[in-house]
Amino acid sequence: MKKQNNRFRNGNNNNCYTLNYKFDSVSCAGKISGTALDLIRRYNDLAKEAQSCGDYVEMEIYRQYAEHYRKIVTEINERRQARQENQLRSEEQSQAEEADAAKAEEAAEPDNSAENKVPVPEAAPAPNGYVETLPASEPAKAFHVVEIKEPEVAPVVAEKPKKVYRRRTPAAPKTAEA
């Protein structure tokens, strides 16, 4: 039995190619190497050339080669999109599980916070009608805004530097040396 050089010809094409994979394509035009996108472009160019020469059989052969590599690129893109969707779903599931775990922790803890909170004495009701509260163990803190003014300094007037003009000396004429 002859050993196959292409490691992906065993019929199992699952997740074997990427867009950067180099193919070796052997056709009636000879051996052509490159990525699937390169081969599509090359076979389409060969098909156009064959059509311009009036050889419609060869044109159809090149179109079929191009279609084969177009299907490979489509499969690669579909796998990539499915992998991204699966990754997004798993991220959403993990976030939902974290949120459920946080809700379960909150439900497990007894809610004594209403007894420990007192209204802040200087707090004005917020626009939505709620009043901020702090635990009884922490006293309310008042904040005062202090303005800091910069000292006035007399502006410093800098003198303009004097421009120095230099005279250009003409270059010595070049003489032809023989």
Protein backbone atom coordinates (compact mmCIF):
# COMPACT_ATOMS: atom_id res chain seq x y z
CA MET A 1 0.00 0.00 0.00
CA LYS A 2 1.40 3.39 -0.96
CA LYS A 3 1.87 5.88 1.85
CA GLN A 4 -0.18 9.03 1.39
CA ASN A 5 1.80 12.26 1.69
CA ASN A 6 -1.16 14.39 2.65
CA ARG A 7 -1.90 13.67 6.32
CA PHE A 8 -5.53 14.79 5.92
CA ARG A 9 -6.51 12.36 3.15
CA ASN A 10 -7.67 9.64 5.54
CA GLY A 11 -11.29 10.80 5.18
CA ASN A 12 -11.38 12.53 8.55
CA ASN A 13 -11.53 16.22 7.68
CA ASN A 14 -12.74 17.43 11.08
CA ASN A 15 -10.92 20.61 12.09
CA CYS A 16 -7.93 19.86 9.92
CA TYR A 17 -7.51 22.99 7.81
CA THR A 18 -7.02 26.65 8.57
CA LEU A 19 -6.93 29.59 6.18
CA ASN A 20 -3.12 29.53 6.44
CA TYR A 21 -2.78 25.85 5.50
CA LYS A 22 -0.64 25.35 2.38
CA PHE A 23 -2.14 23.04 -0.23
CA ASP A 24 -0.27 21.27 -3.02
CA SER A 25 -2.70 21.05 -5.91
CA VAL A 26 -1.84 18.91 -8.92
CA SER A 27 -3.93 19.65 -11.99
CA CYS A 28 -3.60 19.73 -15.76
CA ALA A 29 -1.80 23.07 -15.27
CA GLY A 30 0.86 21.36 -13.17
CA LYS A 31 1.57 21.52 -9.46
CA ILE A 32 0.32 24.68 -7.76
CA SER A 33 1.05 25.41 -4.09
CA GLY A 34 -0.52 27.97 -1.80
CA THR A 35 -3.36 28.66 0.59
CA ALA A 36 -6.93 27.89 -0.42
CA LEU A 37 -7.58 31.55 -1.17
CA ASP A 38 -4.47 31.72 -3.38
CA LEU A 39 -5.53 28.60 -5.27
CA ILE A 40 -9.03 29.97 -5.87
CA ARG A 41 -7.54 33.12 -7.36
CA ARG A 42 -5.03 31.19 -9.50
CA TYR A 43 -7.59 28.71 -10.86
CA ASN A 44 -10.02 31.53 -11.68
CA ASP A 45 -7.21 33.30 -13.57
CA LEU A 46 -6.41 30.09 -15.47
CA ALA A 47 -10.11 29.65 -16.29
CA LYS A 48 -10.30 33.18 -17.69
CA GLU A 49 -7.20 32.55 -19.77
CA ALA A 50 -8.62 29.27 -21.11
CA GLN A 51 -11.90 30.99 -21.95
CA SER A 52 -10.09 33.73 -23.87
CA CYS A 53 -8.30 31.04 -25.89
CA GLY A 54 -11.62 29.33 -26.64
CA ASP A 55 -10.84 26.14 -24.66
CA TYR A 56 -14.12 25.73 -22.75
CA VAL A 57 -13.36 22.22 -21.47
CA GLU A 58 -10.19 23.35 -19.71
CA MET A 59 -12.04 26.44 -18.44
CA GLU A 60 -14.66 24.22 -16.78
CA ILE A 61 -11.95 22.02 -15.24
CA TYR A 62 -10.27 25.08 -13.66
CA ARG A 63 -13.65 26.37 -12.43
CA GLN A 64 -14.22 23.02 -10.71
CA TYR A 65 -10.84 23.22 -8.99
CA ALA A 66 -11.65 26.76 -7.84
CA GLU A 67 -15.06 25.58 -6.56
CA HIS A 68 -13.40 22.78 -4.58
CA TYR A 69 -11.13 25.22 -2.72
CA ARG A 70 -14.04 27.66 -2.31
CA LYS A 71 -15.92 24.90 -0.44
CA ILE A 72 -12.90 24.35 1.80
CA VAL A 73 -12.76 28.07 2.66
CA THR A 74 -16.52 28.04 3.38
CA GLU A 75 -16.10 25.07 5.75
CA ILE A 76 -13.23 26.79 7.55
CA ASN A 77 -15.28 29.96 8.00
CA GLU A 78 -18.33 28.01 9.20
CA ARG A 79 -16.22 26.13 11.77
CA ARG A 80 -14.69 29.39 12.97
CA GLN A 81 -18.12 31.01 13.33
CA ALA A 82 -19.52 27.98 15.17
CA ARG A 83 -16.52 27.98 17.52
CA GLN A 84 -17.04 31.70 18.26
CA GLU A 85 -20.75 31.15 18.92
CA ASN A 86 -19.97 28.25 21.27
CA GLN A 87 -17.44 30.41 23.09
CA LEU A 88 -20.00 33.20 23.50
CA ARG A 89 -22.60 30.73 24.78
CA SER A 90 -20.16 29.28 27.30
CA GLU A 91 -19.21 32.79 28.50
CA GLU A 92 -22.90 33.68 28.90
CA GLN A 93 -23.52 30.45 30.79
CA SER A 94 -20.60 31.07 33.13
CA GLN A 95 -21.82 34.63 33.79
CA ALA A 96 -25.33 33.31 34.48
CA GLU A 97 -23.92 30.70 36.85
CA GLU A 98 -21.91 33.37 38.68
CA ALA A 99 -25.00 35.55 39.00
CA ASP A 100 -27.02 32.58 40.31
CA ALA A 101 -24.26 31.79 42.83
CA ALA A 102 -24.23 35.42 44.01
CA LYS A 103 -28.02 35.39 44.41
CA ALA A 104 -27.79 32.12 46.35
CA GLU A 105 -25.19 33.66 48.70
CA GLU A 106 -27.37 36.71 49.28
CA ALA A 107 -30.39 34.52 49.99
CA ALA A 108 -28.39 32.36 52.44
CA GLU A 109 -27.29 35.35 54.55
CA PRO A 110 -29.84 36.69 57.06
CA ASP A 111 -30.95 40.23 56.27
CA ASN A 112 -30.27 42.26 59.42
CA SER A 113 -29.04 45.24 57.48
CA ALA A 114 -32.34 47.13 57.82
CA GLU A 115 -31.95 47.23 61.62
CA ASN A 116 -28.33 48.45 61.45
CA LYS A 117 -28.91 51.28 58.99
CA VAL A 118 -29.95 54.76 60.00
CA PRO A 119 -30.74 57.67 57.71
CA VAL A 120 -27.89 60.11 57.12
CA PRO A 121 -28.84 63.30 58.98
CA GLU A 122 -27.62 65.79 56.36
CA ALA A 123 -28.63 63.78 53.30
CA ALA A 124 -31.24 65.30 51.08
CA PRO A 125 -33.59 62.96 49.29
CA ALA A 126 -32.31 61.93 45.90
CA PRO A 127 -34.35 62.86 42.83
CA ASN A 128 -35.93 59.39 42.84
CA GLY A 129 -37.15 59.87 46.45
CA TYR A 130 -34.71 57.49 48.19
CA VAL A 131 -32.63 58.48 51.23
CA GLU A 132 -29.10 57.15 51.59
CA THR A 133 -28.48 55.05 54.70
CA LEU A 134 -25.34 53.96 56.55
CA PRO A 135 -24.83 51.14 59.07
CA ALA A 136 -25.26 52.28 62.69
CA SER A 137 -21.63 51.43 63.51
CA GLU A 138 -20.31 54.02 61.03
CA PRO A 139 -20.94 57.68 61.82
CA ALA A 140 -22.02 59.93 59.00
CA LYS A 141 -19.19 61.97 57.50
CA ALA A 142 -19.55 65.47 56.20
CA PHE A 143 -17.51 66.67 53.27
CA HIS A 144 -16.66 70.29 52.65
CA VAL A 145 -15.37 71.63 49.36
CA VAL A 146 -12.31 73.84 49.75
CA GLU A 147 -11.21 76.03 46.89
CA ILE A 148 -7.51 76.53 46.41
CA LYS A 149 -6.58 79.67 44.59
CA GLU A 150 -3.33 80.00 42.75
CA PRO A 151 -1.19 82.98 43.77
CA GLU A 152 -1.04 85.73 41.24
CA VAL A 153 2.40 86.11 39.74
CA ALA A 154 3.52 88.96 37.57
CA PRO A 155 4.03 87.79 34.01
CA VAL A 156 7.61 87.39 32.92
CA VAL A 157 8.39 89.01 29.59
CA ALA A 158 11.03 87.11 27.71
CA GLU A 159 13.19 88.92 25.24
CA LYS A 160 13.08 87.73 21.67
CA PRO A 161 16.35 86.19 20.58
CA LYS A 162 18.06 88.19 17.93
CA LYS A 163 18.27 86.55 14.55
CA VAL A 164 21.73 85.96 13.29
CA TYR A 165 22.06 86.17 9.54
CA ARG A 166 24.92 84.39 7.92
CA ARG A 167 26.13 85.15 4.48
CA ARG A 168 26.45 82.31 2.11
CA THR A 169 29.72 82.05 0.37
CA PRO A 170 29.41 80.87 -3.20
CA ALA A 171 30.89 77.48 -3.85
CA ALA A 172 33.99 77.34 -6.01
CA PRO A 173 33.17 76.40 -9.58
CA LYS A 174 33.94 72.83 -10.43
CA THR A 175 36.50 72.26 -13.04
CA ALA A 176 36.48 69.35 -15.37
CA GLU A 177 39.29 67.02 -14.55
CA ALA A 178 40.37 64.73 -17.31
